[in-house]
């Protein structure tokens, strides 16, 4: 698709001239809290590319879902505080994450376990 011609693809489809050069399907398996606690889960967290910005760091979506980061993020919004400063278990509430995501995840896992 040409960005300068946004309707070109529709025109090509209507004429039967559209060509697809690449087709990609991505499936992501989100880990549960139990999976994250396992050695394999920790290894997978280190390799994860599906990350979101939280508190100035990129955090694995599995961590966001399973370790309560999402809930804390929404609670900050409801409480009228600056959203995105959610912290992992065991850190001082209200402070941004101060270490790489995998290290923060390991600390959270030690506290939770």
C-alpha atoms as a PDB file:
ATOM      1  CA  UNK A   1       0.000   0.000   0.000  1.00  0.00           C
ATOM      2  CA  UNK A   2       1.379   3.385  -0.959  1.00  0.00           C
ATOM      3  CA  UNK A   3       1.054   5.903   1.914  1.00  0.00           C
ATOM      4  CA  UNK A   4       0.723   8.735  -0.593  1.00  0.00           C
ATOM      5  CA  UNK A   5      -2.227   6.960  -2.233  1.00  0.00           C
ATOM      6  CA  UNK A   6      -4.388   5.518   0.577  1.00  0.00           C
ATOM      7  CA  UNK A   7      -7.245   4.475  -1.701  1.00  0.00           C
ATOM      8  CA  UNK A   8      -5.025   2.788  -4.287  1.00  0.00           C
ATOM      9  CA  UNK A   9      -5.429  -0.609  -2.606  1.00  0.00           C
ATOM     10  CA  UNK A  10      -9.233  -0.354  -2.706  1.00  0.00           C
ATOM     11  CA  UNK A  11      -9.063   0.558  -6.368  1.00  0.00           C
ATOM     12  CA  UNK A  12      -6.751  -2.387  -7.089  1.00  0.00           C
ATOM     13  CA  UNK A  13      -9.029  -4.738  -5.126  1.00  0.00           C
ATOM     14  CA  UNK A  14     -12.063  -3.571  -7.116  1.00  0.00           C
ATOM     15  CA  UNK A  15     -10.204  -4.226 -10.376  1.00  0.00           C
ATOM     16  CA  UNK A  16      -8.857  -7.577  -9.218  1.00  0.00           C
ATOM     17  CA  UNK A  17      -5.309  -6.255  -9.539  1.00  0.00           C
ATOM     18  CA  UNK A  18      -4.282  -6.171  -5.876  1.00  0.00           C
ATOM     19  CA  UNK A  19      -1.280  -8.276  -4.931  1.00  0.00           C
ATOM     20  CA  UNK A  20      -0.338  -9.443  -1.489  1.00  0.00           C
ATOM     21  CA  UNK A  21       3.402  -9.912  -1.142  1.00  0.00           C
ATOM     22  CA  UNK A  22       3.545 -10.870   2.520  1.00  0.00           C
ATOM     23  CA  UNK A  23       1.030 -12.356   4.904  1.00  0.00           C
ATOM     24  CA  UNK A  24       1.790 -12.690   8.581  1.00  0.00           C
ATOM     25  CA  UNK A  25      -0.210 -14.249  11.409  1.00  0.00           C
ATOM     26  CA  UNK A  26       1.044 -13.759  14.955  1.00  0.00           C
ATOM     27  CA  UNK A  27      -0.196 -15.705  17.938  1.00  0.00           C
ATOM     28  CA  UNK A  28       0.911 -14.733  21.430  1.00  0.00           C
ATOM     29  CA  UNK A  29       0.518 -17.028  24.418  1.00  0.00           C
ATOM     30  CA  UNK A  30       0.245 -14.961  27.607  1.00  0.00           C
ATOM     31  CA  UNK A  31       1.768 -16.668  30.596  1.00  0.00           C
ATOM     32  CA  UNK A  32      -0.083 -17.079  33.854  1.00  0.00           C
ATOM     33  CA  UNK A  33       1.397 -16.093  37.199  1.00  0.00           C
ATOM     34  CA  UNK A  34       2.420 -19.727  37.766  1.00  0.00           C
ATOM     35  CA  UNK A  35       4.168 -19.912  34.393  1.00  0.00           C
ATOM     36  CA  UNK A  36       6.039 -16.663  35.077  1.00  0.00           C
ATOM     37  CA  UNK A  37       7.257 -18.103  38.384  1.00  0.00           C
ATOM     38  CA  UNK A  38       8.855 -21.094  36.650  1.00  0.00           C
ATOM     39  CA  UNK A  39      12.464 -21.070  35.377  1.00  0.00           C
ATOM     40  CA  UNK A  40      11.175 -21.449  31.812  1.00  0.00           C
ATOM     41  CA  UNK A  41       8.800 -18.530  32.345  1.00  0.00           C
ATOM     42  CA  UNK A  42      11.625 -16.299  33.537  1.00  0.00           C
ATOM     43  CA  UNK A  43      13.643 -17.265  30.478  1.00  0.00           C
ATOM     44  CA  UNK A  44      10.698 -16.435  28.234  1.00  0.00           C
ATOM     45  CA  UNK A  45      10.305 -13.026  29.933  1.00  0.00           C
ATOM     46  CA  UNK A  46      13.911 -12.210  29.072  1.00  0.00           C
ATOM     47  CA  UNK A  47      13.221 -12.953  25.387  1.00  0.00           C
ATOM     48  CA  UNK A  48       9.761 -11.351  25.173  1.00  0.00           C
ATOM     49  CA  UNK A  49       9.299  -8.630  22.547  1.00  0.00           C
ATOM     50  CA  UNK A  50       5.676  -7.743  23.425  1.00  0.00           C
ATOM     51  CA  UNK A  51       6.384  -4.974  25.921  1.00  0.00           C
ATOM     52  CA  UNK A  52       4.557  -1.867  27.078  1.00  0.00           C
ATOM     53  CA  UNK A  53       5.967   1.334  28.562  1.00  0.00           C
ATOM     54  CA  UNK A  54       5.297   1.363  32.318  1.00  0.00           C
ATOM     55  CA  UNK A  55       7.031   3.751  34.685  1.00  0.00           C
ATOM     56  CA  UNK A  56       9.702   4.636  32.151  1.00  0.00           C
ATOM     57  CA  UNK A  57      10.575   1.004  31.347  1.00  0.00           C
ATOM     58  CA  UNK A  58       9.381  -1.507  28.765  1.00  0.00           C
ATOM     59  CA  UNK A  59       7.583  -4.300  30.613  1.00  0.00           C
ATOM     60  CA  UNK A  60       6.474  -7.655  29.203  1.00  0.00           C
ATOM     61  CA  UNK A  61       2.731  -7.857  28.587  1.00  0.00           C
ATOM     62  CA  UNK A  62       2.732 -11.131  30.535  1.00  0.00           C
ATOM     63  CA  UNK A  63       4.061  -9.252  33.575  1.00  0.00           C
ATOM     64  CA  UNK A  64       1.507  -6.490  33.086  1.00  0.00           C
ATOM     65  CA  UNK A  65      -1.331  -9.029  32.968  1.00  0.00           C
ATOM     66  CA  UNK A  66      -0.257 -11.630  35.531  1.00  0.00           C
ATOM     67  CA  UNK A  67       1.555  -9.594  38.194  1.00  0.00           C
ATOM     68  CA  UNK A  68      -1.062  -6.893  38.697  1.00  0.00           C
ATOM     69  CA  UNK A  69       0.663  -4.013  36.911  1.00  0.00           C
ATOM     70  CA  UNK A  70      -2.424  -3.373  34.786  1.00  0.00           C
ATOM     71  CA  UNK A  71      -4.662  -3.214  37.874  1.00  0.00           C
ATOM     72  CA  UNK A  72      -2.292  -0.781  39.603  1.00  0.00           C
ATOM     73  CA  UNK A  73      -2.143   1.348  36.442  1.00  0.00           C
ATOM     74  CA  UNK A  74      -5.941   1.661  36.302  1.00  0.00           C
ATOM     75  CA  UNK A  75      -6.099   2.319  40.047  1.00  0.00           C
ATOM     76  CA  UNK A  76      -3.721   5.254  39.561  1.00  0.00           C
ATOM     77  CA  UNK A  77      -6.073   6.687  36.947  1.00  0.00           C
ATOM     78  CA  UNK A  78      -9.116   6.205  39.204  1.00  0.00           C
ATOM     79  CA  UNK A  79      -7.279   7.840  42.118  1.00  0.00           C
ATOM     80  CA  UNK A  80      -6.344  10.831  39.970  1.00  0.00           C
ATOM     81  CA  UNK A  81      -2.608  10.126  40.136  1.00  0.00           C
ATOM     82  CA  UNK A  82      -0.193  10.163  37.225  1.00  0.00           C
ATOM     83  CA  UNK A  83      -0.833   6.944  35.318  1.00  0.00           C
ATOM     84  CA  UNK A  84       2.094   4.859  34.167  1.00  0.00           C
ATOM     85  CA  UNK A  85       4.066   4.971  37.376  1.00  0.00           C
ATOM     86  CA  UNK A  86       2.774   1.534  38.403  1.00  0.00           C
ATOM     87  CA  UNK A  87       5.319  -0.444  40.354  1.00  0.00           C
ATOM     88  CA  UNK A  88       6.108  -4.079  40.934  1.00  0.00           C
ATOM     89  CA  UNK A  89       5.481  -5.782  44.263  1.00  0.00           C
ATOM     90  CA  UNK A  90       8.112  -4.882  46.823  1.00  0.00           C
ATOM     91  CA  UNK A  91       9.045  -1.493  45.374  1.00  0.00           C
ATOM     92  CA  UNK A  92       8.175   1.847  46.897  1.00  0.00           C
ATOM     93  CA  UNK A  93       4.717   2.876  45.620  1.00  0.00           C
ATOM     94  CA  UNK A  94       4.764   5.928  43.386  1.00  0.00           C
ATOM     95  CA  UNK A  95       8.359   5.588  42.219  1.00  0.00           C
ATOM     96  CA  UNK A  96       9.102   4.727  38.595  1.00  0.00           C
ATOM     97  CA  UNK A  97      10.810   1.454  37.820  1.00  0.00           C
ATOM     98  CA  UNK A  98      14.530   1.898  38.233  1.00  0.00           C
ATOM     99  CA  UNK A  99      15.888  -1.242  36.614  1.00  0.00           C
ATOM    100  CA  UNK A 100      15.552  -3.257  33.402  1.00  0.00           C
ATOM    101  CA  UNK A 101      12.254  -5.165  33.009  1.00  0.00           C
ATOM    102  CA  UNK A 102      13.683  -8.651  33.534  1.00  0.00           C
ATOM    103  CA  UNK A 103      15.393  -7.584  36.770  1.00  0.00           C
ATOM    104  CA  UNK A 104      12.217  -5.919  38.021  1.00  0.00           C
ATOM    105  CA  UNK A 105      10.253  -9.051  37.151  1.00  0.00           C
ATOM    106  CA  UNK A 106      12.666 -11.246  39.076  1.00  0.00           C
ATOM    107  CA  UNK A 107      12.357  -9.012  42.133  1.00  0.00           C
ATOM    108  CA  UNK A 108       8.573  -9.136  41.864  1.00  0.00           C
ATOM    109  CA  UNK A 109       8.664 -12.903  41.530  1.00  0.00           C
ATOM    110  CA  UNK A 110      10.814 -13.262  44.656  1.00  0.00           C
ATOM    111  CA  UNK A 111       8.414 -11.093  46.641  1.00  0.00           C
ATOM    112  CA  UNK A 112       5.330 -12.925  45.356  1.00  0.00           C
ATOM    113  CA  UNK A 113       6.788 -16.417  45.784  1.00  0.00           C
END
